[in-house]
Amino acid sequence: MTMGWIAVLLAASAVASYASGIYGEQDVLGYDLDPERYRAACPDYRHFSMMPHCPLSKGPLSLPYQRPSFHCRTFSSPAVEKVIEEITSKIEDKDLARIFENAFPNTLDTTVRWHVDGEAKKPRKHKDYDYGVEGHWDGTQSFIVTGDINAEWLRDSTNQLAQYQSLAKKDKQLQNLILGAINTQAEFVIESPYCNAFQPPPPSQIPPVSNGQDDSVHPAYEPTRVFECKYEIDSLAGFLALGNQFYKNTGSKGFLHSRWYMAIDTLLAVLEEQAKPTFDPKTGRFERNEYLFRRKTSTGSETLKLGGIGHPLNGGTGLIRSAFRPSDDATVLGFFIPGNAMMSVELKRTAEVLKSVGKSELAKKVQARGESIEKGIWEHGVVTHKRYGEVFAFEVDGYGSSIIMDDANLPSLLALPAMGFLERDNKVYQNTRKMILEQAGNPYYLEGRAFAGIGGPHIGLQHAWPMSRLMQAMTSDDDEEIRDALQAVKASSRLGLVHESIHVERISDYTRSWFAWANSVFAQTILDVAARKPHLLFGKGAESYKID
């Protein structure tokens, strides 16, 4: 780091710290604070995250402290603060420790836009939602935005909360927050199951925002309730995952109420609709899909081909169509294998939850769908590559065509063992992993002088995503590979937070200074390595760190 950069860093930090009312953890205002007045003066974190703040880390990179003042945080958890203290005191690399300190609480610090604990009564009247529907917006609710966009993505919010699930039993307020997130997602799924991103719930009275796009979508949706309506199978799988993780870690059945069951029925209906082929298998006639999406755009990956339908898909595969990928880019061939794998896993986990409460018939239905998808993946999603042998395709159409690649966004082929679809040592997975982690096998594996990793069409051909390197670490047993991945992400995180993507030739060129999903994946990676490979973080002979 040059002296010029340090001077700029410190000058910017002094100004920003004064403006936000913090210097490290010390409040400038000192005493007798009115929390509401203080909160009203809090800086927009979109701007806050773009500037470095003191105190700097004690490592060679001198990384900034990027947490907002305590009074500006959107949620706090003593259990989370305890983990931060324990982990950062043990990590030998103080720059890595600083990123964890910033990243682990980032969702709580900055993205909880609305949370009610379920005790308060509803207002008497609100023009935007119907009190006549039993249970509608009842109970605990939580609206978790993705970061710099004031909307909630089902997939993102599930991943943003994942690192807190193991702490939920220890912290009742945290448990309540996650329960609220499940309830809120259930309402979103019931109302618009084909949509991926949502506006603030009507009861929050937070005004909606426009996405600035011109979309024609069927089924139609209400734009004051939905931010974007790209049908992605992993969004629905994310809803299931949020509940499954909560049940596994807390044993709580508090989310198993009429609205959640209605959301499950709605989800199953979508899967049934999206399992249908493009042409009727008996008559051969074209059958219009329930979901259509057309956007006026010059970017081909932002809309579906053939007038919003997408390319034809065959029947009898057991697979489920996904119109878009988790990157929000359109699929080329609609059977998106990573998304189907995630759905299969989460359906089977949901079936176990349903069995535990005596819902045997629904459990059988959910289990059967999960098994059908899994069978379809192994029968249609595995192809023979002339160089790598049997590998998983990224997308297939059921006719024999396949797309060979991987994308950084999760779920991905790289993440198959992390999501629980198979074990790391599975031969087909190992062949696939080798293929997608080199340019000869994956057109979106990007390398440059400054950074390397998997990217995708969403940003372009020169920006790799740190999230891919983190998933590489979590799916590896090799010390050097894990260490190299962590060092690469650390070197690219000069603002103390993990970015969406990094230009492979210069790390100063990045997208999104504030991207809570990426920060959460970093935190999950550190916790994973601390449990499996503690010596890589804490030094030789260190004991494993696990959240009990």
Protein backbone atom coordinates (compact mmCIF):
# COMPACT_ATOMS: atom_id res chain seq x y z
CA MET A 1 0.00 0.00 0.00
CA THR A 2 1.44 3.37 -1.00
CA MET A 3 1.78 6.37 1.32
CA GLY A 4 -0.53 8.33 -0.99
CA TRP A 5 -3.26 5.73 -0.62
CA ILE A 6 -2.88 5.70 3.15
CA ALA A 7 -3.21 9.49 3.26
CA VAL A 8 -6.39 9.38 1.19
CA LEU A 9 -7.71 6.52 3.32
CA LEU A 10 -7.19 8.35 6.59
CA ALA A 11 -8.55 11.65 5.33
CA ALA A 12 -11.70 9.99 3.98
CA SER A 13 -12.05 7.98 7.16
CA ALA A 14 -11.90 11.04 9.39
CA VAL A 15 -14.62 12.80 7.42
CA ALA A 16 -16.88 9.76 7.13
CA SER A 17 -16.41 8.76 10.76
CA TYR A 18 -17.38 12.21 11.92
CA ALA A 19 -20.43 12.23 9.64
CA SER A 20 -21.65 8.87 10.87
CA GLY A 21 -20.99 9.60 14.51
CA ILE A 22 -18.36 6.93 15.04
CA TYR A 23 -14.67 6.43 15.37
CA GLY A 24 -14.44 2.71 15.69
CA GLU A 25 -17.04 2.01 18.36
CA GLN A 26 -16.82 5.37 20.16
CA ASP A 27 -19.81 7.68 19.74
CA VAL A 28 -18.82 11.26 18.95
CA LEU A 29 -22.00 12.60 20.52
CA GLY A 30 -20.96 10.96 23.75
CA TYR A 31 -23.98 10.79 26.04
CA ASP A 32 -27.73 11.23 26.45
CA LEU A 33 -28.45 10.17 22.89
CA ASP A 34 -31.96 10.17 21.48
CA PRO A 35 -31.80 6.95 19.38
CA GLU A 36 -34.53 8.06 16.98
CA ARG A 37 -32.93 11.43 16.27
CA TYR A 38 -29.55 9.76 15.94
CA ARG A 39 -30.94 7.17 13.51
CA ALA A 40 -32.48 9.89 11.38
CA ALA A 41 -29.00 11.34 10.88
CA CYS A 42 -27.38 8.03 9.91
CA PRO A 43 -25.63 8.06 6.53
CA ASP A 44 -26.93 5.97 3.65
CA TYR A 45 -24.86 2.79 3.79
CA ARG A 46 -24.57 2.78 0.00
CA HIS A 47 -22.32 5.80 0.37
CA PHE A 48 -20.82 4.78 3.71
CA SER A 49 -19.58 1.47 2.25
CA MET A 50 -17.75 3.25 -0.58
CA MET A 51 -15.42 5.07 1.82
CA PRO A 52 -12.87 3.56 4.22
CA HIS A 53 -13.32 4.17 7.94
CA CYS A 54 -11.04 3.93 10.97
CA PRO A 55 -9.75 2.14 12.90
CA LEU A 56 -7.68 0.25 10.33
CA SER A 57 -6.76 -3.40 10.73
CA LYS A 58 -3.31 -4.26 12.03
CA GLY A 59 -2.47 -6.39 9.00
CA PRO A 60 -0.33 -5.27 6.04
CA LEU A 61 -3.41 -4.21 4.03
CA SER A 62 -4.68 -1.86 6.79
CA LEU A 63 -8.29 -2.67 5.97
CA PRO A 64 -11.01 -0.28 7.18
CA TYR A 65 -13.73 -0.83 9.75
CA GLN A 66 -17.02 -0.72 7.83
CA ARG A 67 -19.69 -1.34 10.44
CA PRO A 68 -22.15 1.50 10.99
CA SER A 69 -22.50 3.11 14.40
CA PHE A 70 -24.41 0.96 16.87
CA HIS A 71 -27.36 3.34 16.71
CA CYS A 72 -27.41 3.11 12.90
CA ARG A 73 -27.56 -0.69 12.76
CA THR A 74 -30.83 -2.21 11.66
CA PHE A 75 -30.65 -5.17 14.06
CA SER A 76 -28.25 -6.41 16.71
CA SER A 77 -27.55 -9.76 18.32
CA PRO A 78 -25.35 -10.44 21.38
CA ALA A 79 -24.75 -13.97 20.08
CA VAL A 80 -23.40 -12.61 16.78
CA GLU A 81 -21.16 -10.12 18.60
CA LYS A 82 -19.77 -12.95 20.73
CA VAL A 83 -18.84 -14.98 17.64
CA ILE A 84 -17.15 -11.94 16.09
CA GLU A 85 -15.05 -11.45 19.23
CA GLU A 86 -14.11 -15.12 19.46
CA ILE A 87 -13.22 -15.56 15.80
CA THR A 88 -11.33 -12.30 15.27
CA SER A 89 -9.24 -12.83 18.42
CA LYS A 90 -8.15 -16.23 17.12
CA ILE A 91 -7.45 -15.45 13.44
CA GLU A 92 -3.75 -14.83 12.89
CA ASP A 93 -4.26 -12.82 9.70
CA LYS A 94 -5.67 -9.54 11.02
CA ASP A 95 -6.77 -8.37 7.57
CA LEU A 96 -8.82 -11.53 7.16
CA ALA A 97 -10.17 -11.01 10.66
CA ARG A 98 -11.24 -7.46 9.76
CA ILE A 99 -13.23 -8.64 6.73
CA PHE A 100 -14.99 -11.20 8.93
CA GLU A 101 -15.70 -8.49 11.51
CA ASN A 102 -17.35 -6.40 8.81
CA ALA A 103 -18.97 -9.17 6.81
CA PHE A 104 -20.45 -11.55 9.38
CA PRO A 105 -22.90 -8.98 10.85
CA ASN A 106 -23.46 -7.08 7.59
CA THR A 107 -26.99 -8.40 7.01
CA LEU A 108 -28.06 -7.49 10.54
CA ASP A 109 -26.20 -4.18 10.50
CA THR A 110 -27.61 -2.90 7.23
CA THR A 111 -30.44 -4.87 5.58
CA VAL A 112 -33.28 -5.43 8.06
CA ARG A 113 -35.68 -2.86 6.65
CA TRP A 114 -38.74 -3.93 8.64
CA HIS A 115 -39.30 -6.30 11.52
CA VAL A 116 -42.31 -6.79 13.78
CA ASP A 117 -42.29 -9.30 16.62
CA GLY A 118 -45.92 -10.38 16.20
CA GLU A 119 -47.16 -8.79 19.41
CA ALA A 120 -48.30 -5.48 17.96
CA LYS A 121 -51.81 -5.24 16.54
CA LYS A 122 -52.45 -4.43 12.89
CA PRO A 123 -53.64 -0.96 11.98
CA ARG A 124 -57.39 -0.78 11.54
CA LYS A 125 -57.22 -0.20 7.82
CA HIS A 126 -54.75 -0.16 5.00
CA LYS A 127 -55.68 0.35 1.38
CA ASP A 128 -53.03 -2.00 0.02
CA TYR A 129 -53.88 -5.32 1.63
CA ASP A 130 -56.86 -7.38 2.64
CA TYR A 131 -57.49 -8.04 6.31
CA GLY A 132 -60.29 -10.38 5.31
CA VAL A 133 -57.82 -13.13 4.39
CA GLU A 134 -57.21 -15.24 7.47
CA GLY A 135 -53.63 -14.95 8.69
CA HIS A 136 -52.58 -12.46 5.99
CA TRP A 137 -49.45 -10.69 7.34
CA ASP A 138 -50.22 -11.96 10.84
CA GLY A 139 -47.53 -12.59 13.41
CA THR A 140 -43.80 -12.04 13.23
CA GLN A 141 -42.55 -10.53 9.94
CA SER A 142 -39.11 -9.51 8.64
CA PHE A 143 -38.19 -7.79 5.38
CA ILE A 144 -34.53 -8.32 4.44
CA VAL A 145 -33.16 -6.35 1.48
CA THR A 146 -30.24 -7.43 -0.67
CA GLY A 147 -28.14 -4.39 0.15
CA ASP A 148 -27.87 -1.46 -2.21
CA ILE A 149 -31.28 -2.26 -3.78
CA ASN A 150 -34.26 -1.69 -1.50
CA ALA A 151 -35.97 -4.96 -2.40
CA GLU A 152 -35.91 -8.53 -1.10
CA TRP A 153 -34.76 -11.41 -3.27
CA LEU A 154 -35.99 -14.74 -1.88
CA ARG A 155 -32.71 -16.47 -2.69
CA ASP A 156 -30.48 -13.66 -1.42
CA SER A 157 -32.29 -13.22 1.89
CA THR A 158 -32.13 -16.94 2.63
CA ASN A 159 -28.37 -16.91 2.02
CA GLN A 160 -27.94 -13.66 3.96
CA LEU A 161 -29.47 -15.24 7.07
CA ALA A 162 -27.82 -18.67 6.74
CA GLN A 163 -24.80 -17.91 8.95
CA TYR A 164 -27.09 -16.90 11.83
CA GLN A 165 -29.25 -20.04 11.82
CA SER A 166 -26.92 -21.95 14.17
CA LEU A 167 -27.14 -19.08 16.67
CA ALA A 168 -30.91 -18.73 16.62
CA LYS A 169 -31.51 -21.12 19.51
CA LYS A 170 -29.18 -19.05 21.71
CA ASP A 171 -30.69 -15.67 20.86
CA LYS A 172 -34.48 -15.42 20.96
CA GLN A 173 -34.55 -12.07 19.17
CA LEU A 174 -32.45 -13.51 16.36
CA GLN A 175 -34.71 -16.54 16.24
CA ASN A 176 -37.69 -14.21 16.01
CA LEU A 177 -36.07 -12.30 13.14
CA ILE A 178 -35.55 -15.47 11.12
CA LEU A 179 -39.06 -16.70 11.92
CA GLY A 180 -40.33 -13.37 10.60
CA ALA A 181 -38.30 -13.81 7.42
CA ILE A 182 -39.94 -17.22 6.83
CA ASN A 183 -43.40 -15.74 7.36
CA THR A 184 -42.72 -12.82 5.04
CA GLN A 185 -41.36 -15.09 2.31
CA ALA A 186 -44.46 -17.26 2.66
CA GLU A 187 -46.66 -14.23 1.92
CA PHE A 188 -44.53 -13.38 -1.12
CA VAL A 189 -44.76 -16.95 -2.46
CA ILE A 190 -48.52 -17.10 -1.96
CA GLU A 191 -49.14 -13.85 -3.81
CA SER A 192 -46.59 -14.06 -6.66
CA PRO A 193 -44.88 -17.47 -6.77
CA TYR A 194 -43.23 -16.82 -10.14
CA CYS A 195 -41.45 -13.69 -8.91
CA ASN A 196 -37.94 -13.42 -7.53
CA ALA A 197 -37.73 -9.98 -5.87
CA PHE A 198 -40.27 -8.12 -3.77
CA GLN A 199 -41.19 -4.64 -2.63
CA PRO A 200 -41.56 -3.73 1.07
CA PRO A 201 -44.66 -5.45 2.53
CA PRO A 202 -47.76 -3.22 2.59
CA PRO A 203 -48.01 -3.28 6.41
CA SER A 204 -44.50 -1.81 6.65
CA GLN A 205 -45.75 1.37 4.96
CA ILE A 206 -42.32 1.70 3.33
CA PRO A 207 -42.85 3.10 -0.18
CA PRO A 208 -42.10 0.78 -3.13
CA VAL A 209 -39.38 1.56 -5.66
CA SER A 210 -39.28 1.10 -9.43
CA ASN A 211 -36.81 -1.21 -11.13
CA GLY A 212 -36.85 1.01 -14.21
CA GLN A 213 -37.67 -1.84 -16.60
CA ASP A 214 -40.43 -2.36 -19.16
CA ASP A 215 -41.58 -5.94 -18.64
CA SER A 216 -44.51 -7.95 -19.94
CA VAL A 217 -45.10 -10.94 -17.68
CA HIS A 218 -47.69 -13.67 -17.27
CA PRO A 219 -49.04 -14.32 -14.67
CA ALA A 220 -49.51 -10.59 -14.09
CA TYR A 221 -48.32 -9.09 -10.82
CA GLU A 222 -48.86 -5.92 -8.84
CA PRO A 223 -45.75 -3.69 -9.23
CA THR A 224 -46.26 -2.07 -5.83
CA ARG A 225 -45.79 -5.56 -4.33
CA VAL A 226 -43.21 -7.03 -6.71
CA PHE A 227 -39.87 -5.47 -7.64
CA GLU A 228 -39.04 -7.97 -10.39
CA CYS A 229 -40.76 -11.09 -11.65
CA LYS A 230 -38.15 -13.41 -13.10
CA TYR A 231 -39.12 -17.02 -12.45
CA GLU A 232 -36.14 -18.81 -10.92
CA ILE A 233 -36.49 -22.27 -9.44
CA ASP A 234 -33.85 -21.51 -6.82
CA SER A 235 -35.98 -18.66 -5.43
CA LEU A 236 -38.65 -21.16 -4.44
CA ALA A 237 -35.99 -23.59 -3.22
CA GLY A 238 -34.59 -20.72 -1.15
CA PHE A 239 -37.95 -20.33 0.58
CA LEU A 240 -37.89 -24.02 1.52
CA ALA A 241 -34.25 -23.81 2.64
CA LEU A 242 -34.96 -20.94 5.02
CA GLY A 243 -37.55 -22.98 6.87
CA ASN A 244 -35.52 -26.20 6.77
CA GLN A 245 -32.43 -24.52 8.24
CA PHE A 246 -34.52 -22.88 10.93
CA TYR A 247 -36.15 -26.17 11.93
CA LYS A 248 -32.84 -28.03 11.94
CA ASN A 249 -31.12 -25.48 14.18
CA THR A 250 -33.93 -24.53 16.56
CA GLY A 251 -36.40 -27.40 16.47
CA SER A 252 -39.09 -24.70 16.36
CA LYS A 253 -42.31 -25.40 14.50
CA GLY A 254 -43.50 -21.83 14.86
CA PHE A 255 -43.56 -21.30 11.09
CA LEU A 256 -45.79 -24.32 10.42
CA HIS A 257 -49.08 -22.47 10.21
CA SER A 258 -51.84 -22.07 7.62
CA ARG A 259 -50.02 -19.45 5.55
CA TRP A 260 -46.85 -21.56 5.29
CA TYR A 261 -48.89 -24.59 4.21
CA MET A 262 -50.63 -22.43 1.63
CA ALA A 263 -47.21 -21.33 0.35
CA ILE A 264 -46.16 -25.00 0.07
CA ASP A 265 -49.30 -25.83 -1.94
CA THR A 266 -48.62 -22.82 -4.19
CA LEU A 267 -45.01 -23.88 -4.71
CA LEU A 268 -46.02 -27.44 -5.61
CA ALA A 269 -48.50 -26.10 -8.14
CA VAL A 270 -45.74 -24.08 -9.82
CA LEU A 271 -43.50 -27.16 -9.98
CA GLU A 272 -46.33 -29.12 -11.58
CA GLU A 273 -46.86 -26.40 -14.18
CA GLN A 274 -43.16 -26.06 -14.94
CA ALA A 275 -42.62 -29.80 -15.32
CA LYS A 276 -44.77 -29.78 -18.46
CA PRO A 277 -43.07 -30.06 -21.87
CA THR A 278 -43.34 -27.48 -24.63
CA PHE A 279 -45.28 -29.87 -26.89
CA ASP A 280 -48.10 -32.18 -25.87
CA PRO A 281 -46.60 -35.72 -25.83
CA LYS A 282 -49.78 -37.24 -27.30
CA THR A 283 -50.76 -34.74 -29.99
CA GLY A 284 -47.42 -33.01 -30.61
CA ARG A 285 -49.15 -29.66 -30.43
CA PHE A 286 -47.57 -26.62 -28.84
CA GLU A 287 -48.70 -25.99 -25.24
CA ARG A 288 -48.21 -22.43 -24.03
CA ASN A 289 -46.35 -22.28 -20.73
CA GLU A 290 -48.01 -20.69 -17.74
CA TYR A 291 -45.05 -18.30 -17.37
CA LEU A 292 -44.03 -15.79 -20.04
CA PHE A 293 -41.48 -12.99 -19.71
CA ARG A 294 -40.60 -10.26 -22.20
CA ARG A 295 -38.43 -7.24 -21.44
CA LYS A 296 -37.64 -4.34 -23.76
CA THR A 297 -33.85 -4.50 -23.63
CA SER A 298 -30.73 -4.60 -25.76
CA THR A 299 -29.20 -7.24 -23.46
CA GLY A 300 -30.12 -10.72 -24.66
CA SER A 301 -29.67 -12.39 -21.27
CA GLU A 302 -32.32 -10.12 -19.72
CA THR A 303 -35.29 -11.64 -21.54
CA LEU A 304 -36.58 -14.97 -22.85
CA LYS A 305 -36.32 -16.05 -26.48
CA LEU A 306 -39.23 -16.80 -28.78
CA GLY A 307 -41.49 -14.05 -27.58
CA GLY A 308 -41.01 -14.70 -23.87
CA ILE A 309 -41.40 -18.49 -24.00
CA GLY A 310 -37.82 -19.75 -24.09
CA HIS A 311 -36.41 -22.68 -26.03
CA PRO A 312 -38.47 -25.92 -26.23
CA LEU A 313 -38.15 -28.52 -23.49
CA ASN A 314 -38.90 -32.22 -23.70
CA GLY A 315 -41.29 -34.16 -21.50
CA GLY A 316 -40.81 -37.14 -19.22
CA THR A 317 -37.54 -35.92 -17.70
CA GLY A 318 -38.66 -35.34 -14.11
CA LEU A 319 -36.90 -31.97 -14.28
CA ILE A 320 -38.44 -28.57 -13.60
CA ARG A 321 -38.10 -25.61 -15.93
CA SER A 322 -36.41 -22.43 -14.71
CA ALA A 323 -36.76 -19.37 -16.91
CA PHE A 324 -33.89 -17.54 -15.21
CA ARG A 325 -30.69 -18.38 -13.36
CA PRO A 326 -29.73 -17.18 -9.86
CA SER A 327 -27.71 -14.44 -11.57
CA ASP A 328 -31.08 -13.17 -12.91
CA ASP A 329 -29.88 -13.99 -16.44
CA ALA A 330 -32.18 -15.98 -18.70
CA THR A 331 -31.51 -19.68 -19.06
CA VAL A 332 -30.55 -20.90 -22.53
CA LEU A 333 -31.90 -24.41 -21.98
CA GLY A 334 -34.61 -24.29 -19.34
CA PHE A 335 -33.68 -27.29 -17.22
CA PHE A 336 -31.17 -25.53 -14.97
CA ILE A 337 -29.34 -28.37 -13.20
CA PRO A 338 -27.99 -26.58 -10.06
CA GLY A 339 -31.42 -25.12 -9.36
CA ASN A 340 -33.08 -28.51 -9.83
CA ALA A 341 -30.51 -30.06 -7.49
CA MET A 342 -31.24 -27.48 -4.81
CA MET A 343 -34.98 -27.96 -5.20
CA SER A 344 -34.61 -31.74 -4.91
CA VAL A 345 -32.60 -31.45 -1.70
CA GLU A 346 -34.92 -28.92 -0.08
CA LEU A 347 -38.09 -30.80 -1.01
CA LYS A 348 -36.78 -33.94 0.67
CA ARG A 349 -35.76 -31.98 3.75
CA THR A 350 -39.20 -30.34 3.84
CA ALA A 351 -40.79 -33.78 3.67
CA GLU A 352 -38.96 -34.72 6.88
CA VAL A 353 -40.28 -31.58 8.59
CA LEU A 354 -43.81 -32.45 7.46
CA LYS A 355 -43.47 -36.01 8.77
CA SER A 356 -42.48 -34.65 12.18
CA VAL A 357 -45.87 -32.94 12.52
CA GLY A 358 -47.96 -35.79 11.16
CA LYS A 359 -48.55 -34.38 7.67
CA SER A 360 -47.85 -37.78 6.11
CA GLU A 361 -49.80 -37.38 2.87
CA LEU A 362 -48.30 -34.00 2.05
CA ALA A 363 -44.88 -35.32 3.04
CA LYS A 364 -45.22 -38.20 0.55
CA LYS A 365 -46.17 -35.78 -2.21
CA VAL A 366 -43.24 -33.48 -1.47
CA GLN A 367 -40.81 -36.41 -1.13
CA ALA A 368 -41.94 -37.93 -4.43
CA ARG A 369 -41.38 -34.67 -6.29
CA GLY A 370 -37.92 -34.32 -4.79
CA GLU A 371 -36.98 -37.88 -5.77
CA SER A 372 -38.36 -37.40 -9.29
CA ILE A 373 -36.18 -34.33 -9.80
CA GLU A 374 -33.12 -36.11 -8.41
CA LYS A 375 -33.65 -39.03 -10.78
CA GLY A 376 -34.04 -36.60 -13.69
CA ILE A 377 -30.73 -34.91 -12.87
CA TRP A 378 -28.80 -38.18 -12.94
CA GLU A 379 -30.55 -39.37 -16.11
CA HIS A 380 -30.53 -36.14 -18.14
CA GLY A 381 -28.10 -33.79 -16.38
CA VAL A 382 -25.02 -35.98 -16.61
CA VAL A 383 -23.22 -35.93 -19.97
CA THR A 384 -19.98 -37.41 -21.27
CA HIS A 385 -17.31 -34.84 -22.04
CA LYS A 386 -14.51 -35.97 -24.37
CA ARG A 387 -11.86 -34.44 -22.09
CA TYR A 388 -13.28 -34.66 -18.55
CA GLY A 389 -15.46 -37.78 -18.73
CA GLU A 390 -18.87 -37.84 -17.06
CA VAL A 391 -19.80 -34.37 -15.83
CA PHE A 392 -22.87 -32.41 -14.84
CA ALA A 393 -24.19 -30.06 -17.49
CA PHE A 394 -25.22 -26.58 -16.42
CA GLU A 395 -28.45 -26.68 -18.42
CA VAL A 396 -30.20 -29.29 -20.57
CA ASP A 397 -33.39 -29.46 -22.63
CA GLY A 398 -34.30 -33.15 -22.37
CA TYR A 399 -33.68 -33.62 -26.12
CA GLY A 400 -29.96 -34.27 -25.69
CA SER A 401 -28.66 -30.71 -25.92
CA SER A 402 -26.64 -29.32 -23.03
CA ILE A 403 -24.79 -26.19 -21.92
CA ILE A 404 -21.32 -26.81 -20.47
CA MET A 405 -20.29 -24.01 -18.08
CA ASP A 406 -20.76 -22.78 -14.54
CA ASP A 407 -21.77 -19.41 -13.11
CA ALA A 408 -20.55 -17.87 -9.85
CA ASN A 409 -24.02 -17.33 -8.45
CA LEU A 410 -25.47 -19.88 -6.06
CA PRO A 411 -26.74 -22.51 -6.57
CA SER A 412 -24.02 -23.56 -8.97
CA LEU A 413 -22.41 -26.80 -10.11
CA LEU A 414 -19.43 -25.99 -7.90
CA ALA A 415 -21.79 -25.76 -4.89
CA LEU A 416 -23.47 -29.18 -5.34
CA PRO A 417 -21.87 -30.73 -2.22
CA ALA A 418 -22.38 -27.56 -0.16
CA MET A 419 -26.12 -27.69 -0.84
CA GLY A 420 -26.22 -31.38 0.16
CA PHE A 421 -26.91 -32.94 -3.23
CA LEU A 422 -23.86 -35.22 -3.12
CA GLU A 423 -20.54 -35.78 -1.36
CA ARG A 424 -17.35 -33.92 -2.31
CA ASP A 425 -15.63 -37.13 -3.39
CA ASN A 426 -18.33 -38.11 -5.90
CA LYS A 427 -16.56 -38.97 -9.17
CA VAL A 428 -18.95 -37.09 -11.47
CA TYR A 429 -18.68 -34.04 -9.23
CA GLN A 430 -14.89 -34.20 -9.13
CA ASN A 431 -14.78 -34.38 -12.95
CA THR A 432 -17.18 -31.44 -13.11
CA ARG A 433 -15.19 -29.45 -10.55
CA LYS A 434 -11.99 -29.89 -12.50
CA MET A 435 -13.77 -28.79 -15.68
CA ILE A 436 -15.40 -25.64 -14.32
CA LEU A 437 -12.30 -24.39 -12.48
CA GLU A 438 -10.21 -23.96 -15.60
CA GLN A 439 -10.63 -21.96 -18.77
CA ALA A 440 -10.32 -24.98 -21.02
CA GLY A 441 -13.53 -26.40 -19.54
CA ASN A 442 -15.58 -23.38 -18.45
CA PRO A 443 -16.00 -20.35 -20.73
CA TYR A 444 -16.78 -18.24 -17.66
CA TYR A 445 -13.68 -19.15 -15.67
CA LEU A 446 -11.82 -15.85 -15.92
CA GLU A 447 -8.15 -15.21 -15.20
CA GLY A 448 -6.05 -12.06 -15.14
CA ARG A 449 -3.05 -10.46 -13.47
CA ALA A 450 -5.07 -9.33 -10.43
CA PHE A 451 -7.79 -11.92 -9.84
CA ALA A 452 -9.20 -15.23 -11.06
CA GLY A 453 -12.46 -17.07 -10.55
CA ILE A 454 -15.79 -17.95 -12.08
CA GLY A 455 -17.85 -15.09 -13.47
CA GLY A 456 -20.89 -15.19 -15.72
CA PRO A 457 -22.78 -13.26 -18.38
CA HIS A 458 -24.43 -10.96 -15.81
CA ILE A 459 -21.40 -8.65 -15.50
CA GLY A 460 -19.29 -9.67 -18.49
CA LEU A 461 -16.13 -11.43 -19.57
CA GLN A 462 -13.59 -9.58 -17.41
CA HIS A 463 -15.23 -9.64 -13.98
CA ALA A 464 -14.95 -12.75 -11.79
CA TRP A 465 -16.97 -13.10 -8.60
CA PRO A 466 -15.26 -13.53 -5.20
CA MET A 467 -18.26 -15.68 -4.23
CA SER A 468 -16.93 -18.37 -6.59
CA ARG A 469 -13.57 -18.46 -4.82
CA LEU A 470 -15.31 -18.75 -1.47
CA MET A 471 -17.38 -21.69 -2.70
CA GLN A 472 -14.18 -23.19 -4.08
CA ALA A 473 -12.77 -23.09 -0.55
CA MET A 474 -15.89 -24.62 1.00
CA THR A 475 -15.88 -27.54 -1.44
CA SER A 476 -12.18 -28.34 -1.10
CA ASP A 477 -10.17 -30.49 1.30
CA ASP A 478 -6.84 -29.19 -0.02
CA ASP A 479 -5.10 -26.76 2.34
CA GLU A 480 -3.30 -24.87 -0.39
CA GLU A 481 -6.41 -24.45 -2.50
CA ILE A 482 -8.37 -23.13 0.48
CA ARG A 483 -5.57 -20.80 1.55
CA ASP A 484 -5.14 -19.46 -1.99
CA ALA A 485 -8.87 -18.79 -2.35
CA LEU A 486 -9.05 -16.88 0.94
CA GLN A 487 -5.96 -14.84 0.09
CA ALA A 488 -7.38 -13.92 -3.32
CA VAL A 489 -10.65 -12.69 -1.82
CA LYS A 490 -8.81 -10.81 0.92
CA ALA A 491 -6.56 -9.05 -1.58
CA SER A 492 -9.59 -7.94 -3.61
CA SER A 493 -11.53 -6.59 -0.62
CA ARG A 494 -9.68 -3.32 -0.03
CA LEU A 495 -12.76 -1.65 1.43
CA GLY A 496 -13.09 -4.37 4.04
CA LEU A 497 -16.20 -5.82 2.40
CA VAL A 498 -16.65 -8.46 -0.32
CA HIS A 499 -17.74 -7.13 -3.70
CA GLU A 500 -20.07 -8.66 -6.23
CA SER A 501 -17.36 -8.94 -8.91
CA ILE A 502 -13.74 -7.94 -9.52
CA HIS A 503 -12.04 -7.02 -12.78
CA VAL A 504 -9.44 -9.72 -13.29
CA GLU A 505 -6.79 -7.20 -14.39
CA ARG A 506 -7.28 -4.56 -11.68
CA ILE A 507 -8.98 -4.99 -8.31
CA SER A 508 -9.86 -1.29 -8.13
CA ASP A 509 -12.53 -2.01 -10.77
CA TYR A 510 -15.36 -3.76 -8.96
CA THR A 511 -19.15 -3.88 -8.85
CA ARG A 512 -21.21 -3.16 -5.72
CA SER A 513 -19.42 -1.95 -2.61
CA TRP A 514 -22.38 -3.20 -0.56
CA PHE A 515 -23.61 -6.68 -1.43
CA ALA A 516 -24.84 -8.47 1.68
CA TRP A 517 -25.11 -11.89 0.01
CA ALA A 518 -21.38 -11.94 -0.82
CA ASN A 519 -20.49 -10.81 2.70
CA SER A 520 -22.61 -13.62 4.12
CA VAL A 521 -20.89 -16.22 1.94
CA PHE A 522 -17.52 -14.93 3.18
CA ALA A 523 -18.66 -15.32 6.79
CA GLN A 524 -19.97 -18.82 6.07
CA THR A 525 -16.62 -19.73 4.51
CA ILE A 526 -14.64 -18.55 7.52
CA LEU A 527 -16.92 -20.51 9.87
CA ASP A 528 -16.60 -23.58 7.63
CA VAL A 529 -12.79 -23.39 7.57
CA ALA A 530 -12.68 -22.70 11.32
CA ALA A 531 -14.57 -25.97 11.85
CA ARG A 532 -12.82 -28.16 9.24
CA LYS A 533 -9.35 -26.65 8.90
CA PRO A 534 -8.74 -24.46 11.99
CA HIS A 535 -4.95 -24.41 11.49
CA LEU A 536 -5.40 -22.41 8.29
CA LEU A 537 -6.93 -19.55 10.29
CA PHE A 538 -5.71 -19.94 13.87
CA GLY A 539 -2.27 -21.50 13.43
CA LYS A 540 -0.66 -24.89 13.87
CA GLY A 541 -2.32 -27.16 16.42
CA ALA A 542 -5.42 -24.97 16.76
CA GLU A 543 -8.66 -26.56 17.90
CA SER A 544 -11.74 -26.64 15.71
CA TYR A 545 -14.18 -23.78 16.23
CA LYS A 546 -17.84 -24.73 15.97
CA ILE A 547 -20.99 -22.94 17.01
CA ASP A 548 -22.74 -25.45 19.28
